[in-house]
Amino acid sequence: MNKLPATIAAAILAATSFSTLAATQVSTEQSQNLQQMGTVSVTGVTGSLDDATAQLAQKAEEMGASHYRVIRADTPGDSSLWSGNAEIYR
């Protein structure tokens, strides 16, 4: 099982912010100046990496976070069910 493409995609997404989401995605460098609140996770997300990231953003917003950083996103084998984790920040 090769997780490298998913890891690379997660890193690219981490560098991109989505203005339509209340919680803004940040890079590792940007997160250095923020106060960490904890983590959120998702499992069994049908679709793409974008769908998993959107659900992580939604969970971050529900927890009251203003920012989040994807720290893991993958899908087992050829499955379309994604899981992932994100650190959340104030």
N, C-alpha and C. Protein backbone atom coordinates (compact mmCIF):
# COMPACT_ATOMS: atom_id res chain seq x y z
N MET A 1 0.85 -1.17 0.00
CA MET A 1 0.00 0.00 0.00
C MET A 1 0.90 1.24 0.00
N ASN A 2 0.79 2.06 -1.01
CA ASN A 2 1.61 3.24 -1.16
C ASN A 2 0.83 4.46 -0.69
N LYS A 3 1.26 5.07 0.39
CA LYS A 3 0.59 6.24 0.95
C LYS A 3 1.22 7.54 0.51
N LEU A 4 2.30 7.47 -0.25
CA LEU A 4 3.01 8.66 -0.67
C LEU A 4 2.13 9.63 -1.45
N PRO A 5 1.35 9.20 -2.46
CA PRO A 5 0.51 10.16 -3.19
C PRO A 5 -0.49 10.88 -2.27
N ALA A 6 -1.09 10.16 -1.33
CA ALA A 6 -2.04 10.79 -0.41
C ALA A 6 -1.33 11.78 0.50
N THR A 7 -0.13 11.44 0.94
CA THR A 7 0.64 12.33 1.80
C THR A 7 1.03 13.60 1.05
N ILE A 8 1.44 13.45 -0.18
CA ILE A 8 1.80 14.61 -1.01
C ILE A 8 0.57 15.48 -1.24
N ALA A 9 -0.55 14.85 -1.55
CA ALA A 9 -1.79 15.61 -1.76
C ALA A 9 -2.19 16.35 -0.49
N ALA A 10 -2.05 15.71 0.66
CA ALA A 10 -2.39 16.36 1.93
C ALA A 10 -1.49 17.56 2.17
N ALA A 11 -0.21 17.43 1.84
CA ALA A 11 0.72 18.54 2.02
C ALA A 11 0.36 19.71 1.11
N ILE A 12 -0.03 19.41 -0.11
CA ILE A 12 -0.44 20.47 -1.04
C ILE A 12 -1.69 21.16 -0.52
N LEU A 13 -2.65 20.36 -0.06
CA LEU A 13 -3.86 20.95 0.49
C LEU A 13 -3.59 21.76 1.74
N ALA A 14 -2.61 21.35 2.52
CA ALA A 14 -2.27 22.09 3.74
C ALA A 14 -1.76 23.49 3.43
N ALA A 15 -1.21 23.67 2.25
CA ALA A 15 -0.69 24.97 1.86
C ALA A 15 -1.76 25.85 1.22
N THR A 16 -2.96 25.32 1.06
CA THR A 16 -4.04 26.03 0.40
C THR A 16 -5.11 26.38 1.42
N SER A 17 -5.65 27.57 1.34
CA SER A 17 -6.76 27.92 2.23
C SER A 17 -8.05 27.97 1.42
N PHE A 18 -9.13 27.65 2.09
CA PHE A 18 -10.44 27.64 1.44
C PHE A 18 -11.29 28.74 2.06
N SER A 19 -11.58 29.79 1.31
CA SER A 19 -12.31 30.93 1.83
C SER A 19 -13.76 30.60 2.13
N THR A 20 -14.29 29.50 1.61
CA THR A 20 -15.68 29.15 1.86
C THR A 20 -15.86 28.44 3.19
N LEU A 21 -14.77 28.06 3.83
CA LEU A 21 -14.85 27.38 5.12
C LEU A 21 -14.57 28.37 6.23
N ALA A 22 -15.28 28.25 7.34
CA ALA A 22 -15.06 29.15 8.47
C ALA A 22 -13.70 28.90 9.10
N ALA A 23 -13.30 27.64 9.23
CA ALA A 23 -11.97 27.32 9.74
C ALA A 23 -11.03 27.31 8.54
N THR A 24 -9.94 28.04 8.65
CA THR A 24 -9.00 28.20 7.55
C THR A 24 -7.87 27.18 7.67
N GLN A 25 -7.56 26.52 6.58
CA GLN A 25 -6.46 25.56 6.56
C GLN A 25 -5.15 26.32 6.53
N VAL A 26 -4.17 25.85 7.33
CA VAL A 26 -2.86 26.51 7.40
C VAL A 26 -1.74 25.50 7.17
N SER A 27 -0.59 26.03 6.83
CA SER A 27 0.60 25.20 6.66
C SER A 27 1.27 24.99 8.01
N THR A 28 2.28 24.13 8.04
CA THR A 28 3.04 23.90 9.26
C THR A 28 3.66 25.21 9.75
N GLU A 29 4.23 25.97 8.85
CA GLU A 29 4.86 27.24 9.22
C GLU A 29 3.84 28.21 9.79
N GLN A 30 2.68 28.32 9.17
CA GLN A 30 1.65 29.24 9.65
C GLN A 30 1.11 28.82 11.01
N SER A 31 1.09 27.53 11.29
CA SER A 31 0.54 27.05 12.55
C SER A 31 1.44 27.37 13.74
N GLN A 32 2.70 27.71 13.50
CA GLN A 32 3.65 27.98 14.59
C GLN A 32 3.21 29.15 15.47
N ASN A 33 2.47 30.09 14.92
CA ASN A 33 2.04 31.27 15.66
C ASN A 33 0.63 31.14 16.22
N LEU A 34 0.06 29.95 16.16
CA LEU A 34 -1.31 29.74 16.63
C LEU A 34 -1.32 28.86 17.87
N GLN A 35 -2.39 28.98 18.66
CA GLN A 35 -2.52 28.16 19.87
C GLN A 35 -3.27 26.88 19.52
N GLN A 36 -2.61 25.74 19.73
CA GLN A 36 -3.22 24.46 19.41
C GLN A 36 -4.32 24.13 20.42
N MET A 37 -5.46 23.62 19.91
CA MET A 37 -6.60 23.25 20.75
C MET A 37 -6.73 21.74 20.89
N GLY A 38 -6.15 20.99 19.99
CA GLY A 38 -6.30 19.54 19.99
C GLY A 38 -6.33 19.02 18.57
N THR A 39 -7.03 17.89 18.38
CA THR A 39 -7.12 17.29 17.05
C THR A 39 -8.54 16.87 16.77
N VAL A 40 -8.84 16.71 15.50
CA VAL A 40 -10.10 16.13 15.03
C VAL A 40 -9.76 15.02 14.05
N SER A 41 -10.67 14.08 13.88
CA SER A 41 -10.42 12.99 12.93
C SER A 41 -11.71 12.60 12.23
N VAL A 42 -11.54 11.99 11.08
CA VAL A 42 -12.66 11.44 10.32
C VAL A 42 -12.27 10.06 9.83
N THR A 43 -13.25 9.20 9.66
CA THR A 43 -13.04 7.87 9.09
C THR A 43 -14.21 7.53 8.19
N GLY A 44 -13.95 6.70 7.20
CA GLY A 44 -15.01 6.22 6.32
C GLY A 44 -15.64 7.28 5.46
N VAL A 45 -14.88 8.30 5.07
CA VAL A 45 -15.41 9.38 4.23
C VAL A 45 -15.41 8.91 2.79
N THR A 46 -16.56 8.85 2.18
CA THR A 46 -16.69 8.44 0.79
C THR A 46 -16.29 9.58 -0.13
N GLY A 47 -15.55 9.28 -1.17
CA GLY A 47 -15.20 10.28 -2.17
C GLY A 47 -13.72 10.46 -2.33
N SER A 48 -13.28 11.71 -2.22
CA SER A 48 -11.90 12.07 -2.52
C SER A 48 -11.22 12.68 -1.30
N LEU A 49 -9.95 13.00 -1.47
CA LEU A 49 -9.21 13.69 -0.44
C LEU A 49 -9.87 15.03 -0.10
N ASP A 50 -10.40 15.70 -1.11
CA ASP A 50 -11.10 16.96 -0.87
C ASP A 50 -12.30 16.77 0.05
N ASP A 51 -13.02 15.66 -0.11
CA ASP A 51 -14.17 15.38 0.75
C ASP A 51 -13.73 15.15 2.19
N ALA A 52 -12.64 14.41 2.38
CA ALA A 52 -12.12 14.17 3.72
C ALA A 52 -11.65 15.47 4.36
N THR A 53 -10.96 16.31 3.58
CA THR A 53 -10.49 17.59 4.09
C THR A 53 -11.66 18.49 4.47
N ALA A 54 -12.71 18.49 3.66
CA ALA A 54 -13.90 19.30 3.98
C ALA A 54 -14.53 18.85 5.29
N GLN A 55 -14.57 17.54 5.53
CA GLN A 55 -15.14 17.05 6.78
C GLN A 55 -14.25 17.39 7.97
N LEU A 56 -12.94 17.37 7.78
CA LEU A 56 -12.03 17.80 8.84
C LEU A 56 -12.25 19.28 9.16
N ALA A 57 -12.42 20.09 8.12
CA ALA A 57 -12.68 21.52 8.31
C ALA A 57 -13.98 21.74 9.07
N GLN A 58 -15.01 20.97 8.72
CA GLN A 58 -16.30 21.10 9.40
C GLN A 58 -16.17 20.74 10.88
N LYS A 59 -15.45 19.66 11.18
CA LYS A 59 -15.25 19.27 12.57
C LYS A 59 -14.45 20.33 13.33
N ALA A 60 -13.45 20.91 12.67
CA ALA A 60 -12.67 21.98 13.29
C ALA A 60 -13.57 23.15 13.65
N GLU A 61 -14.43 23.53 12.73
CA GLU A 61 -15.37 24.63 12.96
C GLU A 61 -16.31 24.30 14.12
N GLU A 62 -16.82 23.08 14.15
CA GLU A 62 -17.72 22.67 15.22
C GLU A 62 -17.05 22.73 16.60
N MET A 63 -15.74 22.53 16.63
CA MET A 63 -14.99 22.59 17.88
C MET A 63 -14.58 24.02 18.25
N GLY A 64 -14.94 24.98 17.39
CA GLY A 64 -14.64 26.37 17.67
C GLY A 64 -13.28 26.83 17.19
N ALA A 65 -12.65 26.04 16.33
CA ALA A 65 -11.32 26.39 15.82
C ALA A 65 -11.43 27.41 14.69
N SER A 66 -10.44 28.29 14.64
CA SER A 66 -10.38 29.24 13.52
C SER A 66 -9.48 28.73 12.41
N HIS A 67 -8.60 27.77 12.75
CA HIS A 67 -7.65 27.23 11.79
C HIS A 67 -7.48 25.73 12.02
N TYR A 68 -7.03 25.03 10.99
CA TYR A 68 -6.71 23.61 11.11
C TYR A 68 -5.58 23.26 10.15
N ARG A 69 -4.88 22.16 10.48
CA ARG A 69 -3.79 21.68 9.63
C ARG A 69 -3.91 20.17 9.50
N VAL A 70 -4.07 19.69 8.28
CA VAL A 70 -4.17 18.25 8.03
C VAL A 70 -2.82 17.63 8.35
N ILE A 71 -2.83 16.63 9.24
CA ILE A 71 -1.58 15.96 9.60
C ILE A 71 -1.52 14.53 9.07
N ARG A 72 -2.68 14.00 8.65
CA ARG A 72 -2.70 12.67 8.05
C ARG A 72 -3.98 12.54 7.24
N ALA A 73 -3.85 11.96 6.06
CA ALA A 73 -5.01 11.63 5.22
C ALA A 73 -4.62 10.45 4.35
N ASP A 74 -5.42 9.40 4.40
CA ASP A 74 -5.12 8.25 3.56
C ASP A 74 -6.37 7.42 3.31
N THR A 75 -6.21 6.50 2.40
CA THR A 75 -7.26 5.56 2.05
C THR A 75 -6.59 4.20 1.87
N PRO A 76 -7.17 3.16 2.47
CA PRO A 76 -6.52 1.84 2.36
C PRO A 76 -6.67 1.25 0.96
N GLY A 77 -5.54 0.91 0.37
CA GLY A 77 -5.55 0.25 -0.94
C GLY A 77 -6.29 1.02 -2.00
N ASP A 78 -7.22 0.34 -2.66
CA ASP A 78 -7.98 0.98 -3.73
C ASP A 78 -9.35 1.46 -3.25
N SER A 79 -9.53 1.54 -1.95
CA SER A 79 -10.80 1.98 -1.36
C SER A 79 -11.03 3.46 -1.64
N SER A 80 -12.29 3.85 -1.69
CA SER A 80 -12.61 5.27 -1.80
C SER A 80 -13.05 5.83 -0.46
N LEU A 81 -12.82 5.08 0.62
CA LEU A 81 -13.15 5.54 1.96
C LEU A 81 -11.91 6.14 2.61
N TRP A 82 -11.97 7.43 2.88
CA TRP A 82 -10.84 8.17 3.42
C TRP A 82 -10.92 8.29 4.93
N SER A 83 -9.76 8.42 5.55
CA SER A 83 -9.66 8.78 6.96
C SER A 83 -8.57 9.82 7.09
N GLY A 84 -8.61 10.57 8.17
CA GLY A 84 -7.60 11.58 8.36
C GLY A 84 -7.68 12.25 9.71
N ASN A 85 -6.64 13.02 10.01
CA ASN A 85 -6.55 13.77 11.25
C ASN A 85 -6.08 15.18 10.94
N ALA A 86 -6.51 16.12 11.78
CA ALA A 86 -6.05 17.49 11.65
C ALA A 86 -5.85 18.07 13.04
N GLU A 87 -4.80 18.87 13.19
CA GLU A 87 -4.63 19.66 14.40
C GLU A 87 -5.50 20.89 14.25
N ILE A 88 -6.11 21.33 15.35
CA ILE A 88 -6.96 22.52 15.29
C ILE A 88 -6.37 23.60 16.19
N TYR A 89 -6.62 24.85 15.79
CA TYR A 89 -5.99 26.01 16.43
C TYR A 89 -7.01 27.12 16.66
N ARG A 90 -6.69 27.95 17.67
CA ARG A 90 -7.46 29.18 17.93
C ARG A 90 -6.90 30.28 17.09
